[in-house]
């Protein structure tokens, strides 16, 4: 994507009310809860699982929002712009795969 496209996607994601940025206090609380859960005696696997579930849910919300915004950007492209984007993407992916 062009620099303008990436900036617009970033702006669209930052403006989504359902994805507020992670608050430092929230991250610290999650970290502390995880550490407490794995240090607990007796150990409660369900408590750690709940923490993992919350992390996964947040990541999935972010991924879903990113896909929605990217799809909207691609949908707004002309057929020529989409073809050019696909060509650049194909080239980049081919380069990455050939380096493996």
PDB file of N, CA and C in Angstrom:
ATOM      1  N   UNK A   1       0.838  -1.193   0.000  1.00  0.00           N
ATOM      2  CA  UNK A   1       0.000   0.000   0.000  1.00  0.00           C
ATOM      3  C   UNK A   1       0.876   1.248   0.000  1.00  0.00           C
ATOM      4  N   UNK A   2       0.337   2.305  -0.534  1.00  0.00           N
ATOM      5  CA  UNK A   2       1.075   3.574  -0.545  1.00  0.00           C
ATOM      6  C   UNK A   2       1.166   4.126   0.882  1.00  0.00           C
ATOM      7  N   UNK A   3       2.058   5.068   1.062  1.00  0.00           N
ATOM      8  CA  UNK A   3       2.194   5.715   2.366  1.00  0.00           C
ATOM      9  C   UNK A   3       0.869   6.362   2.775  1.00  0.00           C
ATOM     10  N   UNK A   4       0.184   6.992   1.798  1.00  0.00           N
ATOM     11  CA  UNK A   4      -1.116   7.620   2.098  1.00  0.00           C
ATOM     12  C   UNK A   4      -2.147   6.580   2.520  1.00  0.00           C
ATOM     13  N   UNK A   5      -2.176   5.432   1.836  1.00  0.00           N
ATOM     14  CA  UNK A   5      -3.113   4.372   2.204  1.00  0.00           C
ATOM     15  C   UNK A   5      -2.826   3.863   3.616  1.00  0.00           C
ATOM     16  N   UNK A   6      -1.565   3.626   3.908  1.00  0.00           N
ATOM     17  CA  UNK A   6      -1.204   3.131   5.246  1.00  0.00           C
ATOM     18  C   UNK A   6      -1.570   4.154   6.320  1.00  0.00           C
ATOM     19  N   UNK A   7      -1.333   5.426   6.034  1.00  0.00           N
ATOM     20  CA  UNK A   7      -1.681   6.481   7.002  1.00  0.00           C
ATOM     21  C   UNK A   7      -3.190   6.539   7.213  1.00  0.00           C
ATOM     22  N   UNK A   8      -3.949   6.395   6.134  1.00  0.00           N
ATOM     23  CA  UNK A   8      -5.410   6.432   6.254  1.00  0.00           C
ATOM     24  C   UNK A   8      -5.920   5.235   7.050  1.00  0.00           C
ATOM     25  N   UNK A   9      -5.360   4.071   6.809  1.00  0.00           N
ATOM     26  CA  UNK A   9      -5.757   2.869   7.561  1.00  0.00           C
ATOM     27  C   UNK A   9      -5.426   3.058   9.035  1.00  0.00           C
ATOM     28  N   UNK A  10      -4.236   3.542   9.312  1.00  0.00           N
ATOM     29  CA  UNK A  10      -3.832   3.783  10.697  1.00  0.00           C
ATOM     30  C   UNK A  10      -4.788   4.769  11.368  1.00  0.00           C
ATOM     31  N   UNK A  11      -5.120   5.843  10.660  1.00  0.00           N
ATOM     32  CA  UNK A  11      -6.046   6.854  11.193  1.00  0.00           C
ATOM     33  C   UNK A  11      -7.423   6.235  11.447  1.00  0.00           C
ATOM     34  N   UNK A  12      -7.911   5.438  10.485  1.00  0.00           N
ATOM     35  CA  UNK A  12      -9.222   4.805  10.645  1.00  0.00           C
ATOM     36  C   UNK A  12      -9.243   3.871  11.857  1.00  0.00           C
ATOM     37  N   UNK A  13      -8.165   3.139  12.058  1.00  0.00           N
ATOM     38  CA  UNK A  13      -8.109   2.227  13.201  1.00  0.00           C
ATOM     39  C   UNK A  13      -8.035   2.997  14.520  1.00  0.00           C
ATOM     40  N   UNK A  14      -7.267   4.069  14.543  1.00  0.00           N
ATOM     41  CA  UNK A  14      -7.168   4.873  15.778  1.00  0.00           C
ATOM     42  C   UNK A  14      -8.500   5.511  16.137  1.00  0.00           C
ATOM     43  N   UNK A  15      -9.336   5.783  15.142  1.00  0.00           N
ATOM     44  CA  UNK A  15     -10.613   6.455  15.390  1.00  0.00           C
ATOM     45  C   UNK A  15     -11.754   5.502  15.723  1.00  0.00           C
ATOM     46  N   UNK A  16     -11.481   4.218  15.749  1.00  0.00           N
ATOM     47  CA  UNK A  16     -12.548   3.253  16.071  1.00  0.00           C
ATOM     48  C   UNK A  16     -12.775   3.219  17.577  1.00  0.00           C
ATOM     49  N   UNK A  17     -13.996   3.499  18.010  1.00  0.00           N
ATOM     50  CA  UNK A  17     -14.252   3.502  19.455  1.00  0.00           C
ATOM     51  C   UNK A  17     -14.142   2.116  20.085  1.00  0.00           C
ATOM     52  N   UNK A  18     -14.337   1.065  19.291  1.00  0.00           N
ATOM     53  CA  UNK A  18     -14.282  -0.289  19.842  1.00  0.00           C
ATOM     54  C   UNK A  18     -12.854  -0.795  20.019  1.00  0.00           C
ATOM     55  N   UNK A  19     -11.871  -0.022  19.601  1.00  0.00           N
ATOM     56  CA  UNK A  19     -10.484  -0.473  19.688  1.00  0.00           C
ATOM     57  C   UNK A  19      -9.599   0.470  20.476  1.00  0.00           C
ATOM     58  N   UNK A  20     -10.130   1.184  21.410  1.00  0.00           N
ATOM     59  CA  UNK A  20      -9.306   2.154  22.102  1.00  0.00           C
ATOM     60  C   UNK A  20      -7.890   1.652  22.316  1.00  0.00           C
ATOM     61  N   UNK A  21      -6.928   2.547  22.340  1.00  0.00           N
ATOM     62  CA  UNK A  21      -5.544   2.111  22.498  1.00  0.00           C
ATOM     63  C   UNK A  21      -5.348   1.440  23.844  1.00  0.00           C
ATOM     64  N   UNK A  22      -4.428   0.483  23.903  1.00  0.00           N
ATOM     65  CA  UNK A  22      -4.193  -0.160  25.194  1.00  0.00           C
ATOM     66  C   UNK A  22      -3.675   0.876  26.198  1.00  0.00           C
ATOM     67  N   UNK A  23      -4.301   0.914  27.318  1.00  0.00           N
ATOM     68  CA  UNK A  23      -3.916   1.848  28.365  1.00  0.00           C
ATOM     69  C   UNK A  23      -2.828   1.185  29.191  1.00  0.00           C
ATOM     70  N   UNK A  24      -1.781   1.955  29.478  1.00  0.00           N
ATOM     71  CA  UNK A  24      -0.641   1.380  30.196  1.00  0.00           C
ATOM     72  C   UNK A  24      -1.085   0.686  31.482  1.00  0.00           C
ATOM     73  N   UNK A  25      -1.992   1.313  32.219  1.00  0.00           N
ATOM     74  CA  UNK A  25      -2.482   0.699  33.449  1.00  0.00           C
ATOM     75  C   UNK A  25      -3.172  -0.623  33.194  1.00  0.00           C
ATOM     76  N   UNK A  26      -3.898  -0.715  32.085  1.00  0.00           N
ATOM     77  CA  UNK A  26      -4.563  -1.975  31.736  1.00  0.00           C
ATOM     78  C   UNK A  26      -3.538  -3.060  31.424  1.00  0.00           C
ATOM     79  N   UNK A  27      -2.486  -2.685  30.688  1.00  0.00           N
ATOM     80  CA  UNK A  27      -1.442  -3.668  30.354  1.00  0.00           C
ATOM     81  C   UNK A  27      -0.737  -4.144  31.615  1.00  0.00           C
ATOM     82  N   UNK A  28      -0.459  -3.206  32.514  1.00  0.00           N
ATOM     83  CA  UNK A  28       0.213  -3.574  33.764  1.00  0.00           C
ATOM     84  C   UNK A  28      -0.685  -4.457  34.622  1.00  0.00           C
ATOM     85  N   UNK A  29      -1.966  -4.149  34.666  1.00  0.00           N
ATOM     86  CA  UNK A  29      -2.905  -4.968  35.439  1.00  0.00           C
ATOM     87  C   UNK A  29      -2.988  -6.375  34.852  1.00  0.00           C
ATOM     88  N   UNK A  30      -3.013  -6.474  33.535  1.00  0.00           N
ATOM     89  CA  UNK A  30      -3.059  -7.793  32.885  1.00  0.00           C
ATOM     90  C   UNK A  30      -1.789  -8.580  33.174  1.00  0.00           C
ATOM     91  N   UNK A  31      -0.648  -7.883  33.111  1.00  0.00           N
ATOM     92  CA  UNK A  31       0.626  -8.542  33.425  1.00  0.00           C
ATOM     93  C   UNK A  31       0.636  -9.037  34.869  1.00  0.00           C
ATOM     94  N   UNK A  32       0.210  -8.178  35.789  1.00  0.00           N
ATOM     95  CA  UNK A  32       0.199  -8.546  37.200  1.00  0.00           C
ATOM     96  C   UNK A  32      -0.758  -9.704  37.461  1.00  0.00           C
ATOM     97  N   UNK A  33      -1.920  -9.690  36.798  1.00  0.00           N
ATOM     98  CA  UNK A  33      -2.880 -10.784  36.969  1.00  0.00           C
ATOM     99  C   UNK A  33      -2.297 -12.094  36.453  1.00  0.00           C
ATOM    100  N   UNK A  34      -1.599 -12.040  35.325  1.00  0.00           N
ATOM    101  CA  UNK A  34      -0.987 -13.243  34.778  1.00  0.00           C
ATOM    102  C   UNK A  34       0.087 -13.780  35.722  1.00  0.00           C
ATOM    103  N   UNK A  35       0.951 -12.896  36.192  1.00  0.00           N
ATOM    104  CA  UNK A  35       2.006 -13.347  37.110  1.00  0.00           C
ATOM    105  C   UNK A  35       1.410 -13.931  38.385  1.00  0.00           C
ATOM    106  N   UNK A  36       0.395 -13.278  38.918  1.00  0.00           N
ATOM    107  CA  UNK A  36      -0.249 -13.796  40.126  1.00  0.00           C
ATOM    108  C   UNK A  36      -0.878 -15.159  39.869  1.00  0.00           C
ATOM    109  N   UNK A  37      -1.480 -15.319  38.713  1.00  0.00           N
ATOM    110  CA  UNK A  37      -2.139 -16.590  38.391  1.00  0.00           C
ATOM    111  C   UNK A  37      -1.134 -17.725  38.256  1.00  0.00           C
ATOM    112  N   UNK A  38       0.021 -17.450  37.663  1.00  0.00           N
ATOM    113  CA  UNK A  38       0.975 -18.557  37.506  1.00  0.00           C
ATOM    114  C   UNK A  38       1.766 -18.820  38.783  1.00  0.00           C
ATOM    115  N   UNK A  39       1.780 -17.851  39.705  1.00  0.00           N
ATOM    116  CA  UNK A  39       2.451 -18.053  40.990  1.00  0.00           C
ATOM    117  C   UNK A  39       1.527 -18.657  42.041  1.00  0.00           C
ATOM    118  N   UNK A  40       0.228 -18.646  41.778  1.00  0.00           N
ATOM    119  CA  UNK A  40      -0.749 -19.060  42.786  1.00  0.00           C
ATOM    120  C   UNK A  40      -0.547 -20.518  43.207  1.00  0.00           C
ATOM    121  N   UNK A  41      -0.737 -20.733  44.502  1.00  0.00           N
ATOM    122  CA  UNK A  41      -0.723 -22.084  45.059  1.00  0.00           C
ATOM    123  C   UNK A  41      -2.001 -22.212  45.858  1.00  0.00           C
ATOM    124  N   UNK A  42      -2.892 -23.080  45.486  1.00  0.00           N
ATOM    125  CA  UNK A  42      -2.730 -24.015  44.380  1.00  0.00           C
ATOM    126  C   UNK A  42      -2.889 -23.295  43.021  1.00  0.00           C
ATOM    127  N   UNK A  43      -2.229 -23.835  42.024  1.00  0.00           N
ATOM    128  CA  UNK A  43      -2.306 -23.288  40.672  1.00  0.00           C
ATOM    129  C   UNK A  43      -3.675 -23.570  40.094  1.00  0.00           C
ATOM    130  N   UNK A  44      -4.267 -22.549  39.462  1.00  0.00           N
ATOM    131  CA  UNK A  44      -5.589 -22.680  38.860  1.00  0.00           C
ATOM    132  C   UNK A  44      -5.470 -22.467  37.345  1.00  0.00           C
ATOM    133  N   UNK A  45      -5.398 -23.558  36.580  1.00  0.00           N
ATOM    134  CA  UNK A  45      -5.267 -23.412  35.130  1.00  0.00           C
ATOM    135  C   UNK A  45      -6.400 -22.595  34.515  1.00  0.00           C
ATOM    136  N   UNK A  46      -7.587 -22.646  35.091  1.00  0.00           N
ATOM    137  CA  UNK A  46      -8.722 -21.896  34.541  1.00  0.00           C
ATOM    138  C   UNK A  46      -8.473 -20.392  34.618  1.00  0.00           C
ATOM    139  N   UNK A  47      -7.790 -19.939  35.652  1.00  0.00           N
ATOM    140  CA  UNK A  47      -7.494 -18.507  35.779  1.00  0.00           C
ATOM    141  C   UNK A  47      -6.539 -18.058  34.669  1.00  0.00           C
ATOM    142  N   UNK A  48      -5.525 -18.859  34.389  1.00  0.00           N
ATOM    143  CA  UNK A  48      -4.585 -18.534  33.310  1.00  0.00           C
ATOM    144  C   UNK A  48      -5.308 -18.609  31.968  1.00  0.00           C
ATOM    145  N   UNK A  49      -6.152 -19.599  31.810  1.00  0.00           N
ATOM    146  CA  UNK A  49      -6.913 -19.738  30.563  1.00  0.00           C
ATOM    147  C   UNK A  49      -7.797 -18.518  30.321  1.00  0.00           C
ATOM    148  N   UNK A  50      -8.410 -17.995  31.375  1.00  0.00           N
ATOM    149  CA  UNK A  50      -9.253 -16.800  31.235  1.00  0.00           C
ATOM    150  C   UNK A  50      -8.422 -15.599  30.794  1.00  0.00           C
ATOM    151  N   UNK A  51      -7.212 -15.485  31.312  1.00  0.00           N
ATOM    152  CA  UNK A  51      -6.327 -14.395  30.906  1.00  0.00           C
ATOM    153  C   UNK A  51      -5.957 -14.561  29.438  1.00  0.00           C
ATOM    154  N   UNK A  52      -5.626 -15.776  29.031  1.00  0.00           N
ATOM    155  CA  UNK A  52      -5.317 -16.037  27.622  1.00  0.00           C
ATOM    156  C   UNK A  52      -6.516 -15.723  26.734  1.00  0.00           C
ATOM    157  N   UNK A  53      -7.706 -16.094  27.194  1.00  0.00           N
ATOM    158  CA  UNK A  53      -8.925 -15.815  26.410  1.00  0.00           C
ATOM    159  C   UNK A  53      -9.100 -14.310  26.193  1.00  0.00           C
ATOM    160  N   UNK A  54      -8.871 -13.523  27.243  1.00  0.00           N
ATOM    161  CA  UNK A  54      -9.015 -12.069  27.123  1.00  0.00           C
ATOM    162  C   UNK A  54      -7.988 -11.496  26.144  1.00  0.00           C
ATOM    163  N   UNK A  55      -6.746 -12.003  26.216  1.00  0.00           N
ATOM    164  CA  UNK A  55      -5.714 -11.550  25.276  1.00  0.00           C
ATOM    165  C   UNK A  55      -6.097 -11.901  23.839  1.00  0.00           C
ATOM    166  N   UNK A  56      -6.566 -13.114  23.647  1.00  0.00           N
ATOM    167  CA  UNK A  56      -6.953 -13.562  22.305  1.00  0.00           C
ATOM    168  C   UNK A  56      -8.126 -12.740  21.780  1.00  0.00           C
ATOM    169  N   UNK A  57      -9.104 -12.458  22.629  1.00  0.00           N
ATOM    170  CA  UNK A  57     -10.263 -11.685  22.206  1.00  0.00           C
ATOM    171  C   UNK A  57      -9.847 -10.283  21.757  1.00  0.00           C
ATOM    172  N   UNK A  58      -8.944  -9.650  22.504  1.00  0.00           N
ATOM    173  CA  UNK A  58      -8.476  -8.316  22.118  1.00  0.00           C
ATOM    174  C   UNK A  58      -7.728  -8.378  20.789  1.00  0.00           C
ATOM    175  N   UNK A  59      -6.874  -9.379  20.627  1.00  0.00           N
ATOM    176  CA  UNK A  59      -6.116  -9.515  19.380  1.00  0.00           C
ATOM    177  C   UNK A  59      -7.057  -9.762  18.201  1.00  0.00           C
ATOM    178  N   UNK A  60      -8.076 -10.593  18.401  1.00  0.00           N
ATOM    179  CA  UNK A  60      -9.023 -10.879  17.322  1.00  0.00           C
ATOM    180  C   UNK A  60      -9.848  -9.648  16.949  1.00  0.00           C
ATOM    181  N   UNK A  61     -10.222  -8.845  17.956  1.00  0.00           N
ATOM    182  CA  UNK A  61     -10.943  -7.597  17.650  1.00  0.00           C
ATOM    183  C   UNK A  61     -10.063  -6.684  16.804  1.00  0.00           C
ATOM    184  N   UNK A  62      -8.801  -6.584  17.167  1.00  0.00           N
ATOM    185  CA  UNK A  62      -7.878  -5.745  16.401  1.00  0.00           C
ATOM    186  C   UNK A  62      -7.672  -6.270  14.992  1.00  0.00           C
ATOM    187  N   UNK A  63      -7.514  -7.578  14.854  1.00  0.00           N
ATOM    188  CA  UNK A  63      -7.321  -8.158  13.534  1.00  0.00           C
ATOM    189  C   UNK A  63      -8.570  -7.971  12.678  1.00  0.00           C
ATOM    190  N   UNK A  64      -9.728  -8.196  13.257  1.00  0.00           N
ATOM    191  CA  UNK A  64     -10.977  -8.012  12.516  1.00  0.00           C
ATOM    192  C   UNK A  64     -11.158  -6.575  12.062  1.00  0.00           C
ATOM    193  N   UNK A  65     -10.852  -5.635  12.942  1.00  0.00           N
ATOM    194  CA  UNK A  65     -10.969  -4.222  12.577  1.00  0.00           C
ATOM    195  C   UNK A  65      -9.990  -3.879  11.462  1.00  0.00           C
ATOM    196  N   UNK A  66      -8.786  -4.393  11.552  1.00  0.00           N
ATOM    197  CA  UNK A  66      -7.797  -4.150  10.506  1.00  0.00           C
ATOM    198  C   UNK A  66      -8.248  -4.701   9.165  1.00  0.00           C
ATOM    199  N   UNK A  67      -8.829  -5.882   9.185  1.00  0.00           N
ATOM    200  CA  UNK A  67      -9.331  -6.472   7.941  1.00  0.00           C
ATOM    201  C   UNK A  67     -10.474  -5.650   7.359  1.00  0.00           C
ATOM    202  N   UNK A  68     -11.371  -5.164   8.221  1.00  0.00           N
ATOM    203  CA  UNK A  68     -12.486  -4.337   7.745  1.00  0.00           C
ATOM    204  C   UNK A  68     -11.985  -3.060   7.083  1.00  0.00           C
ATOM    205  N   UNK A  69     -11.030  -2.398   7.729  1.00  0.00           N
ATOM    206  CA  UNK A  69     -10.507  -1.139   7.208  1.00  0.00           C
ATOM    207  C   UNK A  69      -9.740  -1.385   5.904  1.00  0.00           C
ATOM    208  N   UNK A  70      -8.952  -2.454   5.859  1.00  0.00           N
ATOM    209  CA  UNK A  70      -8.220  -2.775   4.634  1.00  0.00           C
ATOM    210  C   UNK A  70      -9.181  -3.116   3.507  1.00  0.00           C
ATOM    211  N   UNK A  71     -10.209  -3.883   3.801  1.00  0.00           N
ATOM    212  CA  UNK A  71     -11.196  -4.218   2.769  1.00  0.00           C
ATOM    213  C   UNK A  71     -11.866  -2.964   2.224  1.00  0.00           C
ATOM    214  N   UNK A  72     -12.201  -2.036   3.104  1.00  0.00           N
ATOM    215  CA  UNK A  72     -12.818  -0.782   2.648  1.00  0.00           C
ATOM    216  C   UNK A  72     -11.855  -0.018   1.742  1.00  0.00           C
ATOM    217  N   UNK A  73     -10.578  -0.022   2.097  1.00  0.00           N
ATOM    218  CA  UNK A  73      -9.580   0.685   1.278  1.00  0.00           C
ATOM    219  C   UNK A  73      -9.443   0.019  -0.091  1.00  0.00           C
ATOM    220  N   UNK A  74      -9.385  -1.310  -0.115  1.00  0.00           N
ATOM    221  CA  UNK A  74      -9.264  -2.042  -1.384  1.00  0.00           C
ATOM    222  C   UNK A  74     -10.517  -1.851  -2.230  1.00  0.00           C
ATOM    223  N   UNK A  75     -11.683  -1.878  -1.588  1.00  0.00           N
ATOM    224  CA  UNK A  75     -12.950  -1.692  -2.295  1.00  0.00           C
ATOM    225  C   UNK A  75     -13.004  -0.328  -2.979  1.00  0.00           C
ATOM    226  N   UNK A  76     -12.416   0.672  -2.347  1.00  0.00           N
ATOM    227  CA  UNK A  76     -12.435   2.027  -2.908  1.00  0.00           C
ATOM    228  C   UNK A  76     -11.449   2.203  -4.067  1.00  0.00           C
ATOM    229  N   UNK A  77     -10.566   1.237  -4.277  1.00  0.00           N
ATOM    230  CA  UNK A  77      -9.576   1.351  -5.352  1.00  0.00           C
ATOM    231  C   UNK A  77     -10.219   1.119  -6.711  1.00  0.00           C
ATOM    232  N   UNK A  78      -9.675   1.758  -7.702  1.00  0.00           N
ATOM    233  CA  UNK A  78     -10.090   1.471  -9.081  1.00  0.00           C
ATOM    234  C   UNK A  78      -9.555   0.094  -9.457  1.00  0.00           C
ATOM    235  N   UNK A  79     -10.108  -0.517 -10.502  1.00  0.00           N
ATOM    236  CA  UNK A  79      -9.568  -1.814 -10.938  1.00  0.00           C
ATOM    237  C   UNK A  79      -8.071  -1.734 -11.237  1.00  0.00           C
ATOM    238  N   UNK A  80      -7.625  -0.629 -11.808  1.00  0.00           N
ATOM    239  CA  UNK A  80      -6.201  -0.475 -12.124  1.00  0.00           C
ATOM    240  C   UNK A  80      -5.356  -0.393 -10.851  1.00  0.00           C
ATOM    241  N   UNK A  81      -5.847   0.331  -9.877  1.00  0.00           N
ATOM    242  CA  UNK A  81      -5.118   0.463  -8.614  1.00  0.00           C
ATOM    243  C   UNK A  81      -5.070  -0.872  -7.881  1.00  0.00           C
ATOM    244  N   UNK A  82      -6.185  -1.617  -7.916  1.00  0.00           N
ATOM    245  CA  UNK A  82      -6.190  -2.943  -7.284  1.00  0.00           C
ATOM    246  C   UNK A  82      -5.207  -3.873  -7.975  1.00  0.00           C
ATOM    247  N   UNK A  83      -5.166  -3.833  -9.318  1.00  0.00           N
ATOM    248  CA  UNK A  83      -4.232  -4.687 -10.063  1.00  0.00           C
ATOM    249  C   UNK A  83      -2.790  -4.319  -9.728  1.00  0.00           C
ATOM    250  N   UNK A  84      -2.504  -3.033  -9.637  1.00  0.00           N
ATOM    251  CA  UNK A  84      -1.153  -2.597  -9.294  1.00  0.00           C
ATOM    252  C   UNK A  84      -0.800  -3.037  -7.872  1.00  0.00           C
ATOM    253  N   UNK A  85      -1.746  -2.893  -6.943  1.00  0.00           N
ATOM    254  CA  UNK A  85      -1.532  -3.331  -5.567  1.00  0.00           C
ATOM    255  C   UNK A  85      -1.264  -4.829  -5.536  1.00  0.00           C
ATOM    256  N   UNK A  86      -2.073  -5.599  -6.233  1.00  0.00           N
ATOM    257  CA  UNK A  86      -1.881  -7.055  -6.270  1.00  0.00           C
ATOM    258  C   UNK A  86      -0.512  -7.405  -6.840  1.00  0.00           C
ATOM    259  N   UNK A  87      -0.090  -6.707  -7.870  1.00  0.00           N
ATOM    260  CA  UNK A  87       1.216  -6.973  -8.457  1.00  0.00           C
ATOM    261  C   UNK A  87       2.354  -6.697  -7.483  1.00  0.00           C
ATOM    262  N   UNK A  88       2.266  -5.562  -6.773  1.00  0.00           N
ATOM    263  CA  UNK A  88       3.302  -5.240  -5.782  1.00  0.00           C
ATOM    264  C   UNK A  88       3.304  -6.256  -4.646  1.00  0.00           C
ATOM    265  N   UNK A  89       2.113  -6.625  -4.206  1.00  0.00           N
ATOM    266  CA  UNK A  89       2.000  -7.593  -3.126  1.00  0.00           C
ATOM    267  C   UNK A  89       2.544  -8.951  -3.558  1.00  0.00           C
ATOM    268  N   UNK A  90       2.181  -9.373  -4.751  1.00  0.00           N
ATOM    269  CA  UNK A  90       2.676 -10.654  -5.277  1.00  0.00           C
ATOM    270  C   UNK A  90       4.202 -10.659  -5.329  1.00  0.00           C
ATOM    271  N   UNK A  91       4.769  -9.582  -5.826  1.00  0.00           N
ATOM    272  CA  UNK A  91       6.217  -9.483  -5.929  1.00  0.00           C
ATOM    273  C   UNK A  91       6.883  -9.557  -4.561  1.00  0.00           C
ATOM    274  N   UNK A  92       6.326  -8.823  -3.602  1.00  0.00           N
ATOM    275  CA  UNK A  92       6.893  -8.836  -2.255  1.00  0.00           C
ATOM    276  C   UNK A  92       6.786 -10.218  -1.616  1.00  0.00           C
ATOM    277  N   UNK A  93       5.636 -10.848  -1.767  1.00  0.00           N
ATOM    278  CA  UNK A  93       5.460 -12.181  -1.183  1.00  0.00           C
ATOM    279  C   UNK A  93       6.364 -13.199  -1.857  1.00  0.00           C
ATOM    280  N   UNK A  94       6.494 -13.115  -3.188  1.00  0.00           N
ATOM    281  CA  UNK A  94       7.400 -14.020  -3.890  1.00  0.00           C
ATOM    282  C   UNK A  94       8.830 -13.849  -3.400  1.00  0.00           C
ATOM    283  N   UNK A  95       9.249 -12.592  -3.186  1.00  0.00           N
ATOM    284  CA  UNK A  95      10.592 -12.337  -2.678  1.00  0.00           C
ATOM    285  C   UNK A  95      10.788 -12.955  -1.298  1.00  0.00           C
ATOM    286  N   UNK A  96       9.803 -12.804  -0.438  1.00  0.00           N
ATOM    287  CA  UNK A  96       9.917 -13.379   0.920  1.00  0.00           C
ATOM    288  C   UNK A  96      10.002 -14.894   0.879  1.00  0.00           C
ATOM    289  N   UNK A  97       9.182 -15.512   0.040  1.00  0.00           N
ATOM    290  CA  UNK A  97       9.183 -16.966  -0.037  1.00  0.00           C
ATOM    291  C   UNK A  97      10.472 -17.492  -0.652  1.00  0.00           C
ATOM    292  N   UNK A  98      11.047 -16.743  -1.590  1.00  0.00           N
ATOM    293  CA  UNK A  98      12.259 -17.229  -2.234  1.00  0.00           C
ATOM    294  C   UNK A  98      13.469 -17.133  -1.309  1.00  0.00           C
ATOM    295  N   UNK A  99      13.404 -16.296  -0.276  1.00  0.00           N
ATOM    296  CA  UNK A  99      14.503 -16.181   0.676  1.00  0.00           C
ATOM    297  C   UNK A  99      14.488 -17.276   1.730  1.00  0.00           C
ATOM    298  N   UNK A 100      13.471 -18.096   1.746  1.00  0.00           N
ATOM    299  CA  UNK A 100      13.381 -19.153   2.788  1.00  0.00           C
ATOM    300  C   UNK A 100      14.202 -20.339   2.421  1.00  0.00           C
TER     301      UNK A 100
END
